[in-house]
Amino acid sequence: MNDWAEATFYDNTQVTIDRGIITAGTVQLANKNSQSIVAGITGGENEAANETEARKVRIWAGASKANRFTAPFRVLQDGSFVATKGTITGTINAKSGTIGNKLLVSGEGISYGDVSTWDYSTGEKMLLSPQAIRIQTQDTTVGNSNNHPFGRVALGKGANSQSSYDFGTIAHIYKYDVLNSYSSALQPAVLIESYTQQGPGVALKTNGSIVARGGIVEMGNYIATDSSVMSVINLYPFNGSIFIINNKTANKPAYLPSVQTLRYIFGINIWQAFTFRMVVISMRGNSNFILQKPTDATLYNGNSAIEKLTIGGNTQYELLFITDGSTAYWKIKNIS
């Protein structure tokens, strides 16, 4: 006979030991210092048959038996539990849940706030899922309840809510401002900065067209020289393609970038064909400076190949670089 056979009858009105099974309706744990019940286990000995799941507390801690329904830690009959504090160092596997009353984890991803609508008046929110990332923020210190400055960044499916095709636009940045101060309001909706050990780098590169409803403004490179500053003028487009020259030393040499330097700046494959346009502006009252032919490309003034070109004050020149991937040349044109 097996002395550890499982019992076949359970009486929750008394504690029994039957063939290795201890049966009890409730086990309560008392604290010596407080002289009170602080934890326990119960099978619900006086529980009604139609008791709600929220009140079927089977294990609790931090309260008496009478207050087990609001204990800071409790495990329910259906497997759920409530804990007001916790430290978990292992893996959590969950299908859904809410953190901080606002951060919702579900099978669709992680969300914050009401993501069922993205109207600007609906406040701050966030959505992170395999199909889309969206973040909306608001400055509630400005404007009124229906008209706050806000910004939205949307990536992936449905990024452009105005498009009937969910994947027509995969990145959308939207900014709305109500400020009257130009210094505060007229800040860029998108700011991209790139720096290298050689100076500014490529901040944006596209493989398609750029369509702009507003203007595209280039601040340009300002180069000021005299007898003690800069022995040469380097026309390297690290800061853009417009050069404003304020030269006070006669016949100072000016150098165009090599083909290799241009490829480095623009991140272009060594065998790729490309073209690049830049403008050189010599300010009124300038002393002449001498534009030199690059060592790895031909310099043309019109149809004539030249070694150098003297550029005087109050003039503007357009320089067009062209390469088919193997040979390269510059074409220069006076556009004053």
C-alpha atoms as a PDB file:
ATOM      1  CA  MET A   1       0.000   0.000   0.000  1.00  0.00           C
ATOM      2  CA  ASN A   2       1.249   3.493  -0.849  1.00  0.00           C
ATOM      3  CA  ASP A   3       1.120   5.690   2.267  1.00  0.00           C
ATOM      4  CA  TRP A   4       1.401   8.852   0.104  1.00  0.00           C
ATOM      5  CA  ALA A   5      -1.714   8.277  -1.972  1.00  0.00           C
ATOM      6  CA  GLU A   6      -3.719  11.449  -2.614  1.00  0.00           C
ATOM      7  CA  ALA A   7      -6.720  12.003  -0.377  1.00  0.00           C
ATOM      8  CA  THR A   8     -10.186  11.726  -1.918  1.00  0.00           C
ATOM      9  CA  PHE A   9     -12.115  13.941   0.510  1.00  0.00           C
ATOM     10  CA  TYR A  10     -11.356  17.544   1.523  1.00  0.00           C
ATOM     11  CA  ASP A  11     -12.979  19.232   4.532  1.00  0.00           C
ATOM     12  CA  ASN A  12     -12.276  22.967   4.760  1.00  0.00           C
ATOM     13  CA  THR A  13     -13.837  23.276   8.209  1.00  0.00           C
ATOM     14  CA  GLN A  14     -10.927  21.590   9.945  1.00  0.00           C
ATOM     15  CA  VAL A  15      -7.264  20.819   9.473  1.00  0.00           C
ATOM     16  CA  THR A  16      -6.684  17.226   8.480  1.00  0.00           C
ATOM     17  CA  ILE A  17      -3.753  15.098   7.414  1.00  0.00           C
ATOM     18  CA  ASP A  18      -4.891  12.316   5.178  1.00  0.00           C
ATOM     19  CA  ARG A  19      -2.300  10.104   3.478  1.00  0.00           C
ATOM     20  CA  GLY A  20       0.286  12.855   3.087  1.00  0.00           C
ATOM     21  CA  ILE A  21      -2.163  15.645   2.196  1.00  0.00           C
ATOM     22  CA  ILE A  22      -2.707  18.537   4.641  1.00  0.00           C
ATOM     23  CA  THR A  23      -6.149  20.074   4.112  1.00  0.00           C
ATOM     24  CA  ALA A  24      -7.385  23.341   5.631  1.00  0.00           C
ATOM     25  CA  GLY A  25      -9.854  26.035   4.691  1.00  0.00           C
ATOM     26  CA  THR A  26      -7.534  28.901   5.637  1.00  0.00           C
ATOM     27  CA  VAL A  27      -3.996  29.328   6.943  1.00  0.00           C
ATOM     28  CA  GLN A  28      -3.282  32.723   8.516  1.00  0.00           C
ATOM     29  CA  LEU A  29       0.155  34.092   9.415  1.00  0.00           C
ATOM     30  CA  ALA A  30       0.472  36.328  12.472  1.00  0.00           C
ATOM     31  CA  ASN A  31       3.174  38.921  13.140  1.00  0.00           C
ATOM     32  CA  LYS A  32       4.706  38.910  16.629  1.00  0.00           C
ATOM     33  CA  ASN A  33       5.341  42.661  16.818  1.00  0.00           C
ATOM     34  CA  SER A  34       1.958  43.854  15.524  1.00  0.00           C
ATOM     35  CA  GLN A  35       0.067  40.968  17.090  1.00  0.00           C
ATOM     36  CA  SER A  36      -2.055  40.794  13.955  1.00  0.00           C
ATOM     37  CA  ILE A  37      -2.642  38.724  10.836  1.00  0.00           C
ATOM     38  CA  VAL A  38      -0.386  39.953   7.988  1.00  0.00           C
ATOM     39  CA  ALA A  39      -0.675  37.217   5.362  1.00  0.00           C
ATOM     40  CA  GLY A  40      -2.479  34.025   4.545  1.00  0.00           C
ATOM     41  CA  ILE A  41      -3.748  31.350   2.218  1.00  0.00           C
ATOM     42  CA  THR A  42      -7.408  30.476   1.817  1.00  0.00           C
ATOM     43  CA  GLY A  43      -9.500  28.171  -0.287  1.00  0.00           C
ATOM     44  CA  GLY A  44     -12.558  30.347   0.296  1.00  0.00           C
ATOM     45  CA  GLU A  45     -14.242  28.235   2.948  1.00  0.00           C
ATOM     46  CA  ASN A  46     -17.202  30.624   3.288  1.00  0.00           C
ATOM     47  CA  GLU A  47     -17.238  31.752  -0.329  1.00  0.00           C
ATOM     48  CA  ALA A  48     -20.543  31.935  -2.197  1.00  0.00           C
ATOM     49  CA  ALA A  49     -20.894  29.913  -5.375  1.00  0.00           C
ATOM     50  CA  ASN A  50     -21.476  33.064  -7.427  1.00  0.00           C
ATOM     51  CA  GLU A  51     -18.594  35.062  -5.898  1.00  0.00           C
ATOM     52  CA  THR A  52     -16.883  37.438  -8.369  1.00  0.00           C
ATOM     53  CA  GLU A  53     -13.415  36.562  -9.619  1.00  0.00           C
ATOM     54  CA  ALA A  54     -11.973  39.756  -8.092  1.00  0.00           C
ATOM     55  CA  ARG A  55     -12.905  38.501  -4.600  1.00  0.00           C
ATOM     56  CA  LYS A  56     -11.580  34.952  -5.010  1.00  0.00           C
ATOM     57  CA  VAL A  57      -8.317  35.748  -3.241  1.00  0.00           C
ATOM     58  CA  ARG A  58      -6.315  32.596  -2.606  1.00  0.00           C
ATOM     59  CA  ILE A  59      -2.978  34.061  -1.375  1.00  0.00           C
ATOM     60  CA  TRP A  60      -2.454  37.487   0.192  1.00  0.00           C
ATOM     61  CA  ALA A  61       0.156  39.513   2.093  1.00  0.00           C
ATOM     62  CA  GLY A  62       0.076  42.888   3.860  1.00  0.00           C
ATOM     63  CA  ALA A  63      -3.439  42.727   5.288  1.00  0.00           C
ATOM     64  CA  SER A  64      -5.759  40.756   7.542  1.00  0.00           C
ATOM     65  CA  LYS A  65      -8.026  38.098   6.162  1.00  0.00           C
ATOM     66  CA  ALA A  66     -10.977  40.486   6.220  1.00  0.00           C
ATOM     67  CA  ASN A  67      -8.994  43.021   4.182  1.00  0.00           C
ATOM     68  CA  ARG A  68      -7.416  40.511   1.795  1.00  0.00           C
ATOM     69  CA  PHE A  69      -9.423  41.907  -1.150  1.00  0.00           C
ATOM     70  CA  THR A  70      -7.341  45.119  -0.977  1.00  0.00           C
ATOM     71  CA  ALA A  71      -4.056  43.606   0.225  1.00  0.00           C
ATOM     72  CA  PRO A  72      -0.945  45.049  -1.499  1.00  0.00           C
ATOM     73  CA  PHE A  73      -0.158  41.549  -2.754  1.00  0.00           C
ATOM     74  CA  ARG A  74      -2.830  39.034  -3.680  1.00  0.00           C
ATOM     75  CA  VAL A  75      -3.213  36.058  -6.007  1.00  0.00           C
ATOM     76  CA  LEU A  76      -6.653  35.237  -7.370  1.00  0.00           C
ATOM     77  CA  GLN A  77      -8.361  31.989  -8.318  1.00  0.00           C
ATOM     78  CA  ASP A  78      -8.060  32.712 -12.078  1.00  0.00           C
ATOM     79  CA  GLY A  79      -4.251  32.993 -11.920  1.00  0.00           C
ATOM     80  CA  SER A  80      -4.040  36.781 -11.933  1.00  0.00           C
ATOM     81  CA  PHE A  81      -2.264  38.686  -9.186  1.00  0.00           C
ATOM     82  CA  VAL A  82      -1.996  42.231  -7.846  1.00  0.00           C
ATOM     83  CA  ALA A  83       1.248  43.673  -6.452  1.00  0.00           C
ATOM     84  CA  THR A  84       1.818  47.304  -5.513  1.00  0.00           C
ATOM     85  CA  LYS A  85       5.591  46.799  -5.573  1.00  0.00           C
ATOM     86  CA  GLY A  86       7.929  44.338  -7.199  1.00  0.00           C
ATOM     87  CA  THR A  87      11.392  43.607  -8.526  1.00  0.00           C
ATOM     88  CA  ILE A  88      11.672  41.122 -11.374  1.00  0.00           C
ATOM     89  CA  THR A  89      15.136  40.190 -12.610  1.00  0.00           C
ATOM     90  CA  GLY A  90      14.078  37.477 -15.028  1.00  0.00           C
ATOM     91  CA  THR A  91      12.081  37.417 -18.246  1.00  0.00           C
ATOM     92  CA  ILE A  92       8.497  38.670 -18.438  1.00  0.00           C
ATOM     93  CA  ASN A  93       6.257  37.063 -21.048  1.00  0.00           C
ATOM     94  CA  ALA A  94       2.982  38.966 -21.428  1.00  0.00           C
ATOM     95  CA  LYS A  95       0.385  39.488 -24.149  1.00  0.00           C
ATOM     96  CA  SER A  96      -0.945  42.806 -22.822  1.00  0.00           C
ATOM     97  CA  GLY A  97      -0.868  45.159 -19.864  1.00  0.00           C
ATOM     98  CA  THR A  98      -0.861  48.767 -18.622  1.00  0.00           C
ATOM     99  CA  ILE A  99       2.047  50.589 -16.968  1.00  0.00           C
ATOM    100  CA  GLY A 100       1.518  53.836 -15.075  1.00  0.00           C
ATOM    101  CA  ASN A 101      -2.154  53.973 -16.158  1.00  0.00           C
ATOM    102  CA  LYS A 102      -1.088  55.320 -19.582  1.00  0.00           C
ATOM    103  CA  LEU A 103       1.488  52.998 -21.144  1.00  0.00           C
ATOM    104  CA  LEU A 104      -0.402  50.120 -22.733  1.00  0.00           C
ATOM    105  CA  VAL A 105       1.258  46.919 -23.935  1.00  0.00           C
ATOM    106  CA  SER A 106      -0.795  44.774 -26.291  1.00  0.00           C
ATOM    107  CA  GLY A 107      -0.424  42.369 -29.174  1.00  0.00           C
ATOM    108  CA  GLU A 108      -0.319  45.369 -31.529  1.00  0.00           C
ATOM    109  CA  GLY A 109       2.602  47.093 -29.775  1.00  0.00           C
ATOM    110  CA  ILE A 110       3.219  49.689 -27.057  1.00  0.00           C
ATOM    111  CA  SER A 111       1.093  52.824 -26.813  1.00  0.00           C
ATOM    112  CA  TYR A 112       0.787  55.855 -24.552  1.00  0.00           C
ATOM    113  CA  GLY A 113      -2.404  57.896 -24.389  1.00  0.00           C
ATOM    114  CA  ASP A 114      -5.344  57.646 -26.770  1.00  0.00           C
ATOM    115  CA  VAL A 115      -3.952  56.487 -30.116  1.00  0.00           C
ATOM    116  CA  SER A 116      -7.352  55.892 -31.694  1.00  0.00           C
ATOM    117  CA  THR A 117      -7.212  59.447 -33.080  1.00  0.00           C
ATOM    118  CA  TRP A 118      -4.309  61.759 -33.921  1.00  0.00           C
ATOM    119  CA  ASP A 119      -6.073  65.113 -33.882  1.00  0.00           C
ATOM    120  CA  TYR A 120      -3.766  67.814 -32.462  1.00  0.00           C
ATOM    121  CA  SER A 121      -6.200  68.632 -29.644  1.00  0.00           C
ATOM    122  CA  THR A 122      -6.064  65.096 -28.219  1.00  0.00           C
ATOM    123  CA  GLY A 123      -2.832  65.616 -26.306  1.00  0.00           C
ATOM    124  CA  GLU A 124       0.435  63.767 -25.936  1.00  0.00           C
ATOM    125  CA  LYS A 125       0.615  60.199 -27.164  1.00  0.00           C
ATOM    126  CA  MET A 126       2.922  57.536 -28.558  1.00  0.00           C
ATOM    127  CA  LEU A 127       2.638  54.357 -30.605  1.00  0.00           C
ATOM    128  CA  LEU A 128       5.404  51.830 -31.122  1.00  0.00           C
ATOM    129  CA  SER A 129       4.620  48.744 -33.199  1.00  0.00           C
ATOM    130  CA  PRO A 130       6.216  46.629 -35.946  1.00  0.00           C
ATOM    131  CA  GLN A 131       4.202  48.588 -38.535  1.00  0.00           C
ATOM    132  CA  ALA A 132       4.375  52.156 -37.242  1.00  0.00           C
ATOM    133  CA  ILE A 133       6.091  54.546 -34.858  1.00  0.00           C
ATOM    134  CA  ARG A 134       4.282  57.756 -33.904  1.00  0.00           C
ATOM    135  CA  ILE A 135       5.026  60.381 -31.283  1.00  0.00           C
ATOM    136  CA  GLN A 136       2.903  63.478 -30.628  1.00  0.00           C
ATOM    137  CA  THR A 137       3.876  66.141 -28.109  1.00  0.00           C
ATOM    138  CA  GLN A 138       2.263  69.419 -27.038  1.00  0.00           C
ATOM    139  CA  ASP A 139       3.283  72.626 -25.309  1.00  0.00           C
ATOM    140  CA  THR A 140       0.310  73.143 -23.001  1.00  0.00           C
ATOM    141  CA  THR A 141       1.840  76.295 -21.485  1.00  0.00           C
ATOM    142  CA  VAL A 142       0.960  78.229 -24.665  1.00  0.00           C
ATOM    143  CA  GLY A 143      -2.427  78.785 -26.298  1.00  0.00           C
ATOM    144  CA  ASN A 144      -5.697  77.355 -24.979  1.00  0.00           C
ATOM    145  CA  SER A 145      -7.265  73.940 -24.503  1.00  0.00           C
ATOM    146  CA  ASN A 146      -8.181  73.710 -28.196  1.00  0.00           C
ATOM    147  CA  ASN A 147      -5.135  75.406 -29.681  1.00  0.00           C
ATOM    148  CA  HIS A 148      -1.744  74.363 -28.319  1.00  0.00           C
ATOM    149  CA  PRO A 149       1.507  74.178 -30.281  1.00  0.00           C
ATOM    150  CA  PHE A 150       2.208  70.562 -31.098  1.00  0.00           C
ATOM    151  CA  GLY A 151       4.509  68.361 -33.112  1.00  0.00           C
ATOM    152  CA  ARG A 152       4.168  64.882 -34.531  1.00  0.00           C
ATOM    153  CA  VAL A 153       6.650  62.386 -35.940  1.00  0.00           C
ATOM    154  CA  ALA A 154       5.180  59.415 -37.790  1.00  0.00           C
ATOM    155  CA  LEU A 155       7.062  56.515 -39.384  1.00  0.00           C
ATOM    156  CA  GLY A 156       5.689  53.468 -41.177  1.00  0.00           C
ATOM    157  CA  LYS A 157       2.107  52.525 -41.976  1.00  0.00           C
ATOM    158  CA  GLY A 158      -0.326  55.436 -42.160  1.00  0.00           C
ATOM    159  CA  ALA A 159       2.365  58.064 -41.570  1.00  0.00           C
ATOM    160  CA  ASN A 160       0.417  60.498 -43.764  1.00  0.00           C
ATOM    161  CA  SER A 161      -3.190  60.449 -42.537  1.00  0.00           C
ATOM    162  CA  GLN A 162      -4.259  62.430 -45.617  1.00  0.00           C
ATOM    163  CA  SER A 163      -3.215  59.621 -47.972  1.00  0.00           C
ATOM    164  CA  SER A 164      -5.604  56.847 -48.981  1.00  0.00           C
ATOM    165  CA  TYR A 165      -2.626  54.517 -49.350  1.00  0.00           C
ATOM    166  CA  ASP A 166      -1.224  53.552 -45.942  1.00  0.00           C
ATOM    167  CA  PHE A 167       2.301  53.056 -47.278  1.00  0.00           C
ATOM    168  CA  GLY A 168       2.335  56.023 -49.674  1.00  0.00           C
ATOM    169  CA  THR A 169       4.346  58.032 -47.134  1.00  0.00           C
ATOM    170  CA  ILE A 170       6.531  56.231 -44.609  1.00  0.00           C
ATOM    171  CA  ALA A 171       7.873  59.281 -42.752  1.00  0.00           C
ATOM    172  CA  HIS A 172       5.897  62.404 -41.825  1.00  0.00           C
ATOM    173  CA  ILE A 173       6.962  65.248 -39.533  1.00  0.00           C
ATOM    174  CA  TYR A 174       4.312  67.840 -38.703  1.00  0.00           C
ATOM    175  CA  LYS A 175       4.712  71.000 -36.648  1.00  0.00           C
ATOM    176  CA  TYR A 176       2.003  73.476 -35.643  1.00  0.00           C
ATOM    177  CA  ASP A 177       2.769  76.656 -33.711  1.00  0.00           C
ATOM    178  CA  VAL A 178       0.671  79.473 -32.238  1.00  0.00           C
ATOM    179  CA  LEU A 179       3.535  81.648 -30.992  1.00  0.00           C
ATOM    180  CA  ASN A 180       3.724  85.264 -32.121  1.00  0.00           C
ATOM    181  CA  SER A 181       7.441  85.615 -31.426  1.00  0.00           C
ATOM    182  CA  TYR A 182       9.404  84.982 -34.623  1.00  0.00           C
ATOM    183  CA  SER A 183      12.526  84.054 -32.684  1.00  0.00           C
ATOM    184  CA  SER A 184      10.590  81.300 -30.925  1.00  0.00           C
ATOM    185  CA  ALA A 185       8.130  80.219 -33.602  1.00  0.00           C
ATOM    186  CA  LEU A 186      10.323  80.249 -36.688  1.00  0.00           C
ATOM    187  CA  GLN A 187      12.484  77.370 -35.611  1.00  0.00           C
ATOM    188  CA  PRO A 188      13.006  74.458 -38.036  1.00  0.00           C
ATOM    189  CA  ALA A 189      10.571  71.557 -37.797  1.00  0.00           C
ATOM    190  CA  VAL A 190      13.507  69.313 -38.710  1.00  0.00           C
ATOM    191  CA  LEU A 191      17.108  70.050 -37.761  1.00  0.00           C
ATOM    192  CA  ILE A 192      19.819  67.729 -39.084  1.00  0.00           C
ATOM    193  CA  GLU A 193      23.433  68.307 -38.104  1.00  0.00           C
ATOM    194  CA  SER A 194      26.477  66.365 -39.253  1.00  0.00           C
ATOM    195  CA  TYR A 195      30.098  66.939 -38.249  1.00  0.00           C
ATOM    196  CA  THR A 196      33.361  65.192 -39.053  1.00  0.00           C
ATOM    197  CA  GLN A 197      37.014  65.682 -38.105  1.00  0.00           C
ATOM    198  CA  GLN A 198      37.343  67.628 -41.365  1.00  0.00           C
ATOM    199  CA  GLY A 199      34.382  69.911 -40.620  1.00  0.00           C
ATOM    200  CA  PRO A 200      30.667  69.640 -41.425  1.00  0.00           C
ATOM    201  CA  GLY A 201      29.645  66.398 -43.090  1.00  0.00           C
ATOM    202  CA  VAL A 202      26.744  65.259 -45.274  1.00  0.00           C
ATOM    203  CA  ALA A 203      23.550  65.870 -43.289  1.00  0.00           C
ATOM    204  CA  LEU A 204      21.030  64.644 -45.865  1.00  0.00           C
ATOM    205  CA  LYS A 205      21.310  62.472 -48.951  1.00  0.00           C
ATOM    206  CA  THR A 206      18.394  61.448 -51.157  1.00  0.00           C
ATOM    207  CA  ASN A 207      18.070  59.016 -54.025  1.00  0.00           C
ATOM    208  CA  GLY A 208      15.098  60.888 -55.469  1.00  0.00           C
ATOM    209  CA  SER A 209      13.782  64.375 -56.054  1.00  0.00           C
ATOM    210  CA  ILE A 210      13.255  67.048 -53.417  1.00  0.00           C
ATOM    211  CA  VAL A 211       9.950  68.913 -53.798  1.00  0.00           C
ATOM    212  CA  ALA A 212       9.621  72.139 -51.799  1.00  0.00           C
ATOM    213  CA  ARG A 213       6.607  74.434 -51.439  1.00  0.00           C
ATOM    214  CA  GLY A 214       8.829  76.988 -49.723  1.00  0.00           C
ATOM    215  CA  GLY A 215      12.278  78.174 -50.658  1.00  0.00           C
ATOM    216  CA  ILE A 216      15.517  76.291 -50.190  1.00  0.00           C
ATOM    217  CA  VAL A 217      17.971  78.787 -48.715  1.00  0.00           C
ATOM    218  CA  GLU A 218      21.720  78.265 -48.508  1.00  0.00           C
ATOM    219  CA  MET A 219      23.656  80.437 -46.112  1.00  0.00           C
ATOM    220  CA  GLY A 220      26.909  79.925 -48.000  1.00  0.00           C
ATOM    221  CA  ASN A 221      30.584  80.029 -47.087  1.00  0.00           C
ATOM    222  CA  TYR A 222      32.056  83.407 -46.185  1.00  0.00           C
ATOM    223  CA  ILE A 223      35.840  83.580 -46.696  1.00  0.00           C
ATOM    224  CA  ALA A 224      37.707  86.729 -45.638  1.00  0.00           C
ATOM    225  CA  THR A 225      41.434  87.042 -46.334  1.00  0.00           C
ATOM    226  CA  ASP A 226      44.255  89.525 -45.905  1.00  0.00           C
ATOM    227  CA  SER A 227      48.055  89.293 -45.988  1.00  0.00           C
ATOM    228  CA  SER A 228      48.193  87.534 -42.619  1.00  0.00           C
ATOM    229  CA  VAL A 229      45.172  85.230 -42.870  1.00  0.00           C
ATOM    230  CA  MET A 230      44.969  82.202 -45.168  1.00  0.00           C
ATOM    231  CA  SER A 231      47.745  81.714 -47.667  1.00  0.00           C
ATOM    232  CA  VAL A 232      45.250  80.235 -50.164  1.00  0.00           C
ATOM    233  CA  ILE A 233      41.498  80.217 -50.741  1.00  0.00           C
ATOM    234  CA  ASN A 234      40.057  76.683 -50.580  1.00  0.00           C
ATOM    235  CA  LEU A 235      36.712  76.351 -52.341  1.00  0.00           C
ATOM    236  CA  TYR A 236      35.746  73.107 -50.591  1.00  0.00           C
ATOM    237  CA  PRO A 237      31.945  72.611 -50.210  1.00  0.00           C
ATOM    238  CA  PHE A 238      31.907  71.399 -46.608  1.00  0.00           C
ATOM    239  CA  ASN A 239      29.414  74.152 -45.714  1.00  0.00           C
ATOM    240  CA  GLY A 240      27.506  74.349 -48.987  1.00  0.00           C
ATOM    241  CA  SER A 241      28.019  75.334 -52.603  1.00  0.00           C
ATOM    242  CA  ILE A 242      27.978  79.163 -52.427  1.00  0.00           C
ATOM    243  CA  PHE A 243      31.229  80.981 -51.643  1.00  0.00           C
ATOM    244  CA  ILE A 244      31.352  84.670 -50.708  1.00  0.00           C
ATOM    245  CA  ILE A 245      34.941  85.890 -51.039  1.00  0.00           C
ATOM    246  CA  ASN A 246      36.225  89.007 -49.304  1.00  0.00           C
ATOM    247  CA  ASN A 247      39.844  89.080 -50.521  1.00  0.00           C
ATOM    248  CA  LYS A 248      42.254  91.921 -49.652  1.00  0.00           C
ATOM    249  CA  THR A 249      45.470  90.359 -50.967  1.00  0.00           C
ATOM    250  CA  ALA A 250      46.155  90.646 -54.702  1.00  0.00           C
ATOM    251  CA  ASN A 251      46.613  87.452 -56.755  1.00  0.00           C
ATOM    252  CA  LYS A 252      45.925  85.073 -53.889  1.00  0.00           C
ATOM    253  CA  PRO A 253      45.496  81.516 -55.314  1.00  0.00           C
ATOM    254  CA  ALA A 254      42.101  79.787 -55.028  1.00  0.00           C
ATOM    255  CA  TYR A 255      41.792  76.005 -55.319  1.00  0.00           C
ATOM    256  CA  LEU A 256      38.888  73.822 -56.382  1.00  0.00           C
ATOM    257  CA  PRO A 257      38.363  70.472 -54.617  1.00  0.00           C
ATOM    258  CA  SER A 258      39.753  67.321 -56.179  1.00  0.00           C
ATOM    259  CA  VAL A 259      37.448  64.651 -57.531  1.00  0.00           C
ATOM    260  CA  GLN A 260      38.371  62.428 -54.604  1.00  0.00           C
ATOM    261  CA  THR A 261      37.490  65.182 -52.110  1.00  0.00           C
ATOM    262  CA  LEU A 262      34.084  65.693 -53.719  1.00  0.00           C
ATOM    263  CA  ARG A 263      33.366  61.979 -53.581  1.00  0.00           C
ATOM    264  CA  TYR A 264      34.365  61.932 -49.927  1.00  0.00           C
ATOM    265  CA  ILE A 265      32.150  64.908 -49.050  1.00  0.00           C
ATOM    266  CA  PHE A 266      29.102  63.567 -50.899  1.00  0.00           C
ATOM    267  CA  GLY A 267      29.617  59.900 -50.068  1.00  0.00           C
ATOM    268  CA  ILE A 268      29.701  58.917 -53.757  1.00  0.00           C
ATOM    269  CA  ASN A 269      31.060  55.645 -55.158  1.00  0.00           C
ATOM    270  CA  ILE A 270      34.365  56.062 -56.960  1.00  0.00           C
ATOM    271  CA  TRP A 271      32.965  54.925 -60.340  1.00  0.00           C
ATOM    272  CA  GLN A 272      29.655  56.764 -60.139  1.00  0.00           C
ATOM    273  CA  ALA A 273      28.776  59.592 -62.527  1.00  0.00           C
ATOM    274  CA  PHE A 274      27.564  62.812 -60.893  1.00  0.00           C
ATOM    275  CA  THR A 275      27.483  66.575 -61.299  1.00  0.00           C
ATOM    276  CA  PHE A 276      27.833  69.426 -58.815  1.00  0.00           C
ATOM    277  CA  ARG A 277      27.172  73.161 -59.150  1.00  0.00           C
ATOM    278  CA  MET A 278      28.682  75.925 -57.073  1.00  0.00           C
ATOM    279  CA  VAL A 279      28.759  79.729 -57.167  1.00  0.00           C
ATOM    280  CA  VAL A 280      31.714  81.987 -56.321  1.00  0.00           C
ATOM    281  CA  ILE A 281      30.884  85.601 -55.439  1.00  0.00           C
ATOM    282  CA  SER A 282      33.725  88.134 -55.315  1.00  0.00           C
ATOM    283  CA  MET A 283      32.623  91.118 -53.246  1.00  0.00           C
ATOM    284  CA  ARG A 284      32.790  94.728 -54.406  1.00  0.00           C
ATOM    285  CA  GLY A 285      36.215  96.237 -53.745  1.00  0.00           C
ATOM    286  CA  ASN A 286      37.971  92.854 -53.718  1.00  0.00           C
ATOM    287  CA  SER A 287      41.523  92.386 -54.897  1.00  0.00           C
ATOM    288  CA  ASN A 288      41.959  89.881 -57.712  1.00  0.00           C
ATOM    289  CA  PHE A 289      42.428  86.222 -56.834  1.00  0.00           C
ATOM    290  CA  ILE A 290      43.522  83.416 -59.143  1.00  0.00           C
ATOM    291  CA  LEU A 291      41.378  80.299 -59.613  1.00  0.00           C
ATOM    292  CA  GLN A 292      43.677  77.338 -60.292  1.00  0.00           C
ATOM    293  CA  LYS A 293      42.979  74.296 -62.478  1.00  0.00           C
ATOM    294  CA  PRO A 294      42.655  71.112 -60.392  1.00  0.00           C
ATOM    295  CA  THR A 295      45.281  68.429 -60.938  1.00  0.00           C
ATOM    296  CA  ASP A 296      42.714  65.689 -61.670  1.00  0.00           C
ATOM    297  CA  ALA A 297      40.171  67.561 -63.815  1.00  0.00           C
ATOM    298  CA  THR A 298      40.119  69.933 -66.783  1.00  0.00           C
ATOM    299  CA  LEU A 299      38.944  73.544 -66.310  1.00  0.00           C
ATOM    300  CA  TYR A 300      36.946  75.077 -69.164  1.00  0.00           C
ATOM    301  CA  ASN A 301      36.046  78.714 -69.675  1.00  0.00           C
ATOM    302  CA  GLY A 302      33.378  78.348 -72.333  1.00  0.00           C
ATOM    303  CA  ASN A 303      34.870  75.848 -74.777  1.00  0.00           C
ATOM    304  CA  SER A 304      38.485  76.691 -73.978  1.00  0.00           C
ATOM    305  CA  ALA A 305      40.567  74.659 -71.569  1.00  0.00           C
ATOM    306  CA  ILE A 306      42.495  76.956 -69.212  1.00  0.00           C
ATOM    307  CA  GLU A 307      45.107  76.599 -66.480  1.00  0.00           C
ATOM    308  CA  LYS A 308      43.870  79.471 -64.326  1.00  0.00           C
ATOM    309  CA  LEU A 309      41.360  82.319 -64.231  1.00  0.00           C
ATOM    310  CA  THR A 310      41.718  85.743 -62.664  1.00  0.00           C
ATOM    311  CA  ILE A 311      38.594  86.756 -60.726  1.00  0.00           C
ATOM    312  CA  GLY A 312      38.182  90.436 -59.926  1.00  0.00           C
ATOM    313  CA  GLY A 313      35.924  92.261 -57.504  1.00  0.00           C
ATOM    314  CA  ASN A 314      32.154  92.636 -57.934  1.00  0.00           C
ATOM    315  CA  THR A 315      31.841  89.489 -60.069  1.00  0.00           C
ATOM    316  CA  GLN A 316      29.994  86.186 -59.827  1.00  0.00           C
ATOM    317  CA  TYR A 317      30.942  82.881 -61.415  1.00  0.00           C
ATOM    318  CA  GLU A 318      29.078  79.630 -61.758  1.00  0.00           C
ATOM    319  CA  LEU A 319      31.234  76.491 -61.717  1.00  0.00           C
ATOM    320  CA  LEU A 320      29.759  73.198 -62.871  1.00  0.00           C
ATOM    321  CA  PHE A 321      31.595  69.956 -62.093  1.00  0.00           C
ATOM    322  CA  ILE A 322      30.836  66.962 -64.336  1.00  0.00           C
ATOM    323  CA  THR A 323      32.165  63.405 -64.244  1.00  0.00           C
ATOM    324  CA  ASP A 324      31.126  60.181 -65.952  1.00  0.00           C
ATOM    325  CA  GLY A 325      32.864  58.159 -63.247  1.00  0.00           C
ATOM    326  CA  SER A 326      36.277  58.068 -64.922  1.00  0.00           C
ATOM    327  CA  THR A 327      37.068  61.478 -66.466  1.00  0.00           C
ATOM    328  CA  ALA A 328      36.082  64.803 -64.913  1.00  0.00           C
ATOM    329  CA  TYR A 329      36.021  68.499 -65.786  1.00  0.00           C
ATOM    330  CA  TRP A 330      34.819  71.898 -64.562  1.00  0.00           C
ATOM    331  CA  LYS A 331      32.935  74.472 -66.652  1.00  0.00           C
ATOM    332  CA  ILE A 332      33.101  78.076 -65.489  1.00  0.00           C
ATOM    333  CA  LYS A 333      30.714  80.847 -66.499  1.00  0.00           C
ATOM    334  CA  ASN A 334      30.581  84.537 -65.603  1.00  0.00           C
ATOM    335  CA  ILE A 335      27.046  85.255 -64.321  1.00  0.00           C
ATOM    336  CA  SER A 336      27.705  88.798 -63.031  1.00  0.00           C
END
